[in-house]
């Protein structure tokens, strides 16, 4: 489990068509162990190798490559990193599983004096889980939804988010990993199935 509070921006050092990634992330690797979970741009991945140089390796399943934007990563690309949540720390963002629900596309950016407004397009089936003032995870970053449409939503990015995550670099057309609020998914499922006692 994660919070969506990015701890550092890492750099992809090697990619085997996305199926195996080696990532430089000194903070994330500092106390990681074999088998630990690290969120890479919002995707929960398992550490498979720790060379001891501030990097770590992960294997990426075909299902993950189909459902996320990780397959497009190349050496030199920057990624948001977060270590898994510890039970004795604050939950600063929201409950994030690292299970990406879909890939969205940056539709527009409106730079402001103190923040940017970003509009992201998403599949209509996924949009039904997104609510104004609700939480959403965009490439591993916990954000508050400021506006919604049938197939888009908007978020505001404060200077800290712009400077300390990869979201400040996103151009129109860029793909982003999306994870909707898990509580919204459970409520929708309960409403769909009804009470079958």
C-alpha atoms as a PDB file:
ATOM      1  CA  UNK A   1       0.000   0.000   0.000  1.00  0.00           C
ATOM      2  CA  UNK A   2       1.110   3.548  -0.772  1.00  0.00           C
ATOM      3  CA  UNK A   3       0.025   7.142  -0.156  1.00  0.00           C
ATOM      4  CA  UNK A   4       0.687   8.834  -3.495  1.00  0.00           C
ATOM      5  CA  UNK A   5       3.289  11.095  -1.888  1.00  0.00           C
ATOM      6  CA  UNK A   6       6.312  10.797  -4.190  1.00  0.00           C
ATOM      7  CA  UNK A   7       9.577  10.398  -2.292  1.00  0.00           C
ATOM      8  CA  UNK A   8      11.970  10.925  -5.177  1.00  0.00           C
ATOM      9  CA  UNK A   9      12.217  11.062  -8.943  1.00  0.00           C
ATOM     10  CA  UNK A  10      14.254   8.165 -10.273  1.00  0.00           C
ATOM     11  CA  UNK A  11      15.852   7.586 -13.672  1.00  0.00           C
ATOM     12  CA  UNK A  12      15.460   4.499 -15.831  1.00  0.00           C
ATOM     13  CA  UNK A  13      18.948   3.080 -16.403  1.00  0.00           C
ATOM     14  CA  UNK A  14      17.974   0.059 -18.509  1.00  0.00           C
ATOM     15  CA  UNK A  15      14.831  -1.381 -20.043  1.00  0.00           C
ATOM     16  CA  UNK A  16      14.329  -4.784 -21.629  1.00  0.00           C
ATOM     17  CA  UNK A  17      11.284  -3.714 -23.695  1.00  0.00           C
ATOM     18  CA  UNK A  18       9.738  -2.699 -20.388  1.00  0.00           C
ATOM     19  CA  UNK A  19       9.674  -6.305 -19.133  1.00  0.00           C
ATOM     20  CA  UNK A  20      12.647  -5.674 -16.839  1.00  0.00           C
ATOM     21  CA  UNK A  21      13.625  -2.239 -15.612  1.00  0.00           C
ATOM     22  CA  UNK A  22      16.678  -1.029 -13.732  1.00  0.00           C
ATOM     23  CA  UNK A  23      16.059   2.276 -12.025  1.00  0.00           C
ATOM     24  CA  UNK A  24      18.347   4.685 -10.213  1.00  0.00           C
ATOM     25  CA  UNK A  25      16.611   5.701  -6.995  1.00  0.00           C
ATOM     26  CA  UNK A  26      19.051   6.098  -4.110  1.00  0.00           C
ATOM     27  CA  UNK A  27      16.368   6.820  -1.505  1.00  0.00           C
ATOM     28  CA  UNK A  28      14.024   4.037  -2.654  1.00  0.00           C
ATOM     29  CA  UNK A  29      16.926   1.565  -2.834  1.00  0.00           C
ATOM     30  CA  UNK A  30      18.515   2.665   0.452  1.00  0.00           C
ATOM     31  CA  UNK A  31      16.479   0.384   2.691  1.00  0.00           C
ATOM     32  CA  UNK A  32      14.847  -1.878   0.111  1.00  0.00           C
ATOM     33  CA  UNK A  33      15.137  -5.611   0.302  1.00  0.00           C
ATOM     34  CA  UNK A  34      14.621  -8.344  -2.251  1.00  0.00           C
ATOM     35  CA  UNK A  35      10.847  -8.775  -2.668  1.00  0.00           C
ATOM     36  CA  UNK A  36       9.899  -5.318  -1.362  1.00  0.00           C
ATOM     37  CA  UNK A  37       7.337  -3.196  -3.182  1.00  0.00           C
ATOM     38  CA  UNK A  38       8.159   0.150  -4.766  1.00  0.00           C
ATOM     39  CA  UNK A  39       5.636   2.243  -6.702  1.00  0.00           C
ATOM     40  CA  UNK A  40       7.143   3.267 -10.044  1.00  0.00           C
ATOM     41  CA  UNK A  41       5.025   6.072 -11.522  1.00  0.00           C
ATOM     42  CA  UNK A  42       2.087   4.625  -9.643  1.00  0.00           C
ATOM     43  CA  UNK A  43       2.668   0.948 -10.442  1.00  0.00           C
ATOM     44  CA  UNK A  44       3.416  -1.396  -7.549  1.00  0.00           C
ATOM     45  CA  UNK A  45       6.461  -3.457  -8.574  1.00  0.00           C
ATOM     46  CA  UNK A  46       8.567  -6.021  -6.733  1.00  0.00           C
ATOM     47  CA  UNK A  47      12.286  -5.475  -6.224  1.00  0.00           C
ATOM     48  CA  UNK A  48      14.166  -8.378  -7.823  1.00  0.00           C
ATOM     49  CA  UNK A  49      17.732  -7.097  -7.631  1.00  0.00           C
ATOM     50  CA  UNK A  50      19.725  -4.559  -5.606  1.00  0.00           C
ATOM     51  CA  UNK A  51      23.182  -4.017  -7.122  1.00  0.00           C
ATOM     52  CA  UNK A  52      24.270  -1.742  -4.247  1.00  0.00           C
ATOM     53  CA  UNK A  53      24.824   1.335  -6.400  1.00  0.00           C
ATOM     54  CA  UNK A  54      21.618   3.188  -5.494  1.00  0.00           C
ATOM     55  CA  UNK A  55      19.601   1.372  -8.140  1.00  0.00           C
ATOM     56  CA  UNK A  56      17.120  -1.490  -8.123  1.00  0.00           C
ATOM     57  CA  UNK A  57      15.645  -3.833 -10.714  1.00  0.00           C
ATOM     58  CA  UNK A  58      12.040  -4.932 -11.189  1.00  0.00           C
ATOM     59  CA  UNK A  59      10.306  -7.359 -13.516  1.00  0.00           C
ATOM     60  CA  UNK A  60       7.121  -6.197 -15.233  1.00  0.00           C
ATOM     61  CA  UNK A  61       4.360  -8.674 -16.126  1.00  0.00           C
ATOM     62  CA  UNK A  62       2.721  -8.586 -19.597  1.00  0.00           C
ATOM     63  CA  UNK A  63      -0.589  -7.645 -17.908  1.00  0.00           C
ATOM     64  CA  UNK A  64       1.107  -4.615 -16.345  1.00  0.00           C
ATOM     65  CA  UNK A  65       2.610  -3.598 -19.680  1.00  0.00           C
ATOM     66  CA  UNK A  66      -0.865  -3.785 -21.279  1.00  0.00           C
ATOM     67  CA  UNK A  67      -2.576  -1.725 -18.593  1.00  0.00           C
ATOM     68  CA  UNK A  68       0.058   0.941 -17.872  1.00  0.00           C
ATOM     69  CA  UNK A  69       2.424   3.338 -19.607  1.00  0.00           C
ATOM     70  CA  UNK A  70       5.529   1.485 -18.321  1.00  0.00           C
ATOM     71  CA  UNK A  71       6.115  -0.314 -21.634  1.00  0.00           C
ATOM     72  CA  UNK A  72       7.122   2.983 -23.222  1.00  0.00           C
ATOM     73  CA  UNK A  73       9.898   3.722 -20.729  1.00  0.00           C
ATOM     74  CA  UNK A  74      13.413   4.078 -22.119  1.00  0.00           C
ATOM     75  CA  UNK A  75      16.812   4.700 -20.491  1.00  0.00           C
ATOM     76  CA  UNK A  76      16.985   8.294 -19.292  1.00  0.00           C
ATOM     77  CA  UNK A  77      13.244   8.594 -18.632  1.00  0.00           C
ATOM     78  CA  UNK A  78      12.302   9.926 -15.212  1.00  0.00           C
ATOM     79  CA  UNK A  79       9.811   8.126 -12.961  1.00  0.00           C
ATOM     80  CA  UNK A  80       8.071   8.920  -9.674  1.00  0.00           C
ATOM     81  CA  UNK A  81       9.137   6.605  -6.835  1.00  0.00           C
ATOM     82  CA  UNK A  82       7.507   5.800  -3.513  1.00  0.00           C
ATOM     83  CA  UNK A  83       8.385   3.076  -1.044  1.00  0.00           C
ATOM     84  CA  UNK A  84       5.498   1.100   0.438  1.00  0.00           C
ATOM     85  CA  UNK A  85       3.669   2.581   3.403  1.00  0.00           C
ATOM     86  CA  UNK A  86       4.841   1.696   6.901  1.00  0.00           C
ATOM     87  CA  UNK A  87       2.200   1.158   9.588  1.00  0.00           C
ATOM     88  CA  UNK A  88       3.867   3.698  11.904  1.00  0.00           C
ATOM     89  CA  UNK A  89       3.845   6.679   9.514  1.00  0.00           C
ATOM     90  CA  UNK A  90       1.290   9.299   8.539  1.00  0.00           C
ATOM     91  CA  UNK A  91      -1.035   8.671   5.604  1.00  0.00           C
ATOM     92  CA  UNK A  92      -0.305  11.966   3.864  1.00  0.00           C
ATOM     93  CA  UNK A  93      -2.057  11.435   0.548  1.00  0.00           C
ATOM     94  CA  UNK A  94      -4.778   8.819   0.207  1.00  0.00           C
ATOM     95  CA  UNK A  95      -4.964   5.021   0.123  1.00  0.00           C
ATOM     96  CA  UNK A  96      -3.141   3.963  -3.053  1.00  0.00           C
ATOM     97  CA  UNK A  97      -2.687   0.318  -4.018  1.00  0.00           C
ATOM     98  CA  UNK A  98      -0.347   0.732  -6.975  1.00  0.00           C
ATOM     99  CA  UNK A  99      -2.845  -1.202  -9.117  1.00  0.00           C
ATOM    100  CA  UNK A 100      -3.265   1.004 -12.179  1.00  0.00           C
ATOM    101  CA  UNK A 101      -6.818   1.132 -13.541  1.00  0.00           C
ATOM    102  CA  UNK A 102      -5.958   2.621 -16.916  1.00  0.00           C
ATOM    103  CA  UNK A 103      -3.838   5.008 -18.923  1.00  0.00           C
ATOM    104  CA  UNK A 104      -4.985   8.576 -19.418  1.00  0.00           C
ATOM    105  CA  UNK A 105      -3.721  11.245 -21.794  1.00  0.00           C
ATOM    106  CA  UNK A 106      -2.828  14.847 -21.001  1.00  0.00           C
ATOM    107  CA  UNK A 107      -5.321  16.902 -23.019  1.00  0.00           C
ATOM    108  CA  UNK A 108      -4.386  20.413 -21.916  1.00  0.00           C
ATOM    109  CA  UNK A 109      -2.142  22.401 -19.570  1.00  0.00           C
ATOM    110  CA  UNK A 110      -3.004  25.852 -18.331  1.00  0.00           C
ATOM    111  CA  UNK A 111       0.021  27.341 -16.578  1.00  0.00           C
ATOM    112  CA  UNK A 112      -0.948  29.718 -13.811  1.00  0.00           C
ATOM    113  CA  UNK A 113       1.004  32.237 -11.817  1.00  0.00           C
ATOM    114  CA  UNK A 114       1.336  29.849  -8.879  1.00  0.00           C
ATOM    115  CA  UNK A 115       0.036  26.493 -10.175  1.00  0.00           C
ATOM    116  CA  UNK A 116      -0.865  24.625 -13.359  1.00  0.00           C
ATOM    117  CA  UNK A 117      -4.272  23.245 -14.226  1.00  0.00           C
ATOM    118  CA  UNK A 118      -4.011  19.979 -16.151  1.00  0.00           C
ATOM    119  CA  UNK A 119      -6.857  18.266 -18.010  1.00  0.00           C
ATOM    120  CA  UNK A 120      -6.517  14.514 -18.474  1.00  0.00           C
ATOM    121  CA  UNK A 121      -8.633  12.342 -20.755  1.00  0.00           C
ATOM    122  CA  UNK A 122      -9.668   8.849 -19.697  1.00  0.00           C
ATOM    123  CA  UNK A 123     -11.943   6.013 -20.748  1.00  0.00           C
ATOM    124  CA  UNK A 124     -15.628   6.674 -19.964  1.00  0.00           C
ATOM    125  CA  UNK A 125     -15.863   3.400 -18.025  1.00  0.00           C
ATOM    126  CA  UNK A 126     -13.144   4.663 -15.700  1.00  0.00           C
ATOM    127  CA  UNK A 127     -14.473   8.233 -15.546  1.00  0.00           C
ATOM    128  CA  UNK A 128     -17.525   7.078 -13.595  1.00  0.00           C
ATOM    129  CA  UNK A 129     -15.239   6.500 -10.576  1.00  0.00           C
ATOM    130  CA  UNK A 130     -13.877  10.068 -10.621  1.00  0.00           C
ATOM    131  CA  UNK A 131     -15.631  12.749  -8.561  1.00  0.00           C
ATOM    132  CA  UNK A 132     -14.959  16.441  -8.078  1.00  0.00           C
ATOM    133  CA  UNK A 133     -12.997  16.959  -4.839  1.00  0.00           C
ATOM    134  CA  UNK A 134     -12.274  13.222  -4.798  1.00  0.00           C
ATOM    135  CA  UNK A 135      -8.836  11.631  -4.859  1.00  0.00           C
ATOM    136  CA  UNK A 136      -7.047  10.221  -7.899  1.00  0.00           C
ATOM    137  CA  UNK A 137      -3.515   8.994  -8.460  1.00  0.00           C
ATOM    138  CA  UNK A 138      -1.755  10.279 -11.596  1.00  0.00           C
ATOM    139  CA  UNK A 139       1.545   8.517 -12.322  1.00  0.00           C
ATOM    140  CA  UNK A 140       1.917   7.800  -8.623  1.00  0.00           C
ATOM    141  CA  UNK A 141       0.964  11.273  -7.364  1.00  0.00           C
ATOM    142  CA  UNK A 142      -2.029  11.679  -5.042  1.00  0.00           C
ATOM    143  CA  UNK A 143      -4.137  14.570  -6.332  1.00  0.00           C
ATOM    144  CA  UNK A 144      -7.514  16.187  -5.702  1.00  0.00           C
ATOM    145  CA  UNK A 145      -9.880  16.338  -8.674  1.00  0.00           C
ATOM    146  CA  UNK A 146     -10.968  19.937  -9.365  1.00  0.00           C
ATOM    147  CA  UNK A 147     -13.380  19.358 -12.272  1.00  0.00           C
ATOM    148  CA  UNK A 148     -14.875  16.385 -14.140  1.00  0.00           C
ATOM    149  CA  UNK A 149     -16.493  15.620 -17.486  1.00  0.00           C
ATOM    150  CA  UNK A 150     -17.772  12.504 -19.225  1.00  0.00           C
ATOM    151  CA  UNK A 151     -14.286  11.494 -20.370  1.00  0.00           C
ATOM    152  CA  UNK A 152     -11.906  13.915 -18.657  1.00  0.00           C
ATOM    153  CA  UNK A 153     -10.964  15.399 -15.289  1.00  0.00           C
ATOM    154  CA  UNK A 154      -8.794  18.277 -14.129  1.00  0.00           C
ATOM    155  CA  UNK A 155      -6.264  18.619 -11.331  1.00  0.00           C
ATOM    156  CA  UNK A 156      -4.275  21.545 -10.012  1.00  0.00           C
ATOM    157  CA  UNK A 157      -0.530  21.134  -9.582  1.00  0.00           C
ATOM    158  CA  UNK A 158       1.095  23.275  -6.889  1.00  0.00           C
ATOM    159  CA  UNK A 159       4.733  24.413  -7.228  1.00  0.00           C
ATOM    160  CA  UNK A 160       5.992  21.559  -5.022  1.00  0.00           C
ATOM    161  CA  UNK A 161       4.290  18.951  -7.215  1.00  0.00           C
ATOM    162  CA  UNK A 162       5.591  20.637 -10.369  1.00  0.00           C
ATOM    163  CA  UNK A 163       9.162  20.695  -9.038  1.00  0.00           C
ATOM    164  CA  UNK A 164       9.366  17.374  -7.172  1.00  0.00           C
ATOM    165  CA  UNK A 165       7.518  14.955  -9.482  1.00  0.00           C
ATOM    166  CA  UNK A 166       7.494  14.162 -13.180  1.00  0.00           C
ATOM    167  CA  UNK A 167       4.111  15.861 -13.594  1.00  0.00           C
ATOM    168  CA  UNK A 168       5.816  19.210 -14.118  1.00  0.00           C
ATOM    169  CA  UNK A 169       7.407  17.811 -17.301  1.00  0.00           C
ATOM    170  CA  UNK A 170       4.267  16.399 -18.918  1.00  0.00           C
ATOM    171  CA  UNK A 171       3.372  17.730 -22.339  1.00  0.00           C
ATOM    172  CA  UNK A 172       0.002  17.567 -24.046  1.00  0.00           C
ATOM    173  CA  UNK A 173      -0.402  14.053 -25.442  1.00  0.00           C
ATOM    174  CA  UNK A 174       1.688  12.378 -22.728  1.00  0.00           C
ATOM    175  CA  UNK A 175       0.335   9.124 -21.280  1.00  0.00           C
ATOM    176  CA  UNK A 176      -0.179   8.878 -17.510  1.00  0.00           C
ATOM    177  CA  UNK A 177      -0.994   5.955 -15.226  1.00  0.00           C
ATOM    178  CA  UNK A 178      -4.309   6.385 -13.411  1.00  0.00           C
ATOM    179  CA  UNK A 179      -5.576   4.751 -10.253  1.00  0.00           C
ATOM    180  CA  UNK A 180      -9.027   5.794  -9.088  1.00  0.00           C
ATOM    181  CA  UNK A 181     -10.042   5.795  -5.441  1.00  0.00           C
ATOM    182  CA  UNK A 182     -10.426   2.180  -4.268  1.00  0.00           C
ATOM    183  CA  UNK A 183     -13.451   3.110  -2.158  1.00  0.00           C
ATOM    184  CA  UNK A 184     -15.279   4.336  -5.289  1.00  0.00           C
ATOM    185  CA  UNK A 185     -14.625   0.969  -6.948  1.00  0.00           C
ATOM    186  CA  UNK A 186     -16.030  -0.971  -4.000  1.00  0.00           C
ATOM    187  CA  UNK A 187     -19.133   1.224  -3.736  1.00  0.00           C
ATOM    188  CA  UNK A 188     -19.780   0.829  -7.470  1.00  0.00           C
ATOM    189  CA  UNK A 189     -19.375  -2.938  -7.216  1.00  0.00           C
ATOM    190  CA  UNK A 190     -21.820  -3.149  -4.305  1.00  0.00           C
ATOM    191  CA  UNK A 191     -24.377  -1.081  -6.206  1.00  0.00           C
ATOM    192  CA  UNK A 192     -23.962  -3.243  -9.311  1.00  0.00           C
ATOM    193  CA  UNK A 193     -24.407  -6.558  -7.519  1.00  0.00           C
ATOM    194  CA  UNK A 194     -27.015  -5.416  -4.982  1.00  0.00           C
ATOM    195  CA  UNK A 195     -27.774  -7.257  -1.798  1.00  0.00           C
ATOM    196  CA  UNK A 196     -27.968 -10.968  -2.712  1.00  0.00           C
ATOM    197  CA  UNK A 197     -28.557 -12.398   0.741  1.00  0.00           C
END
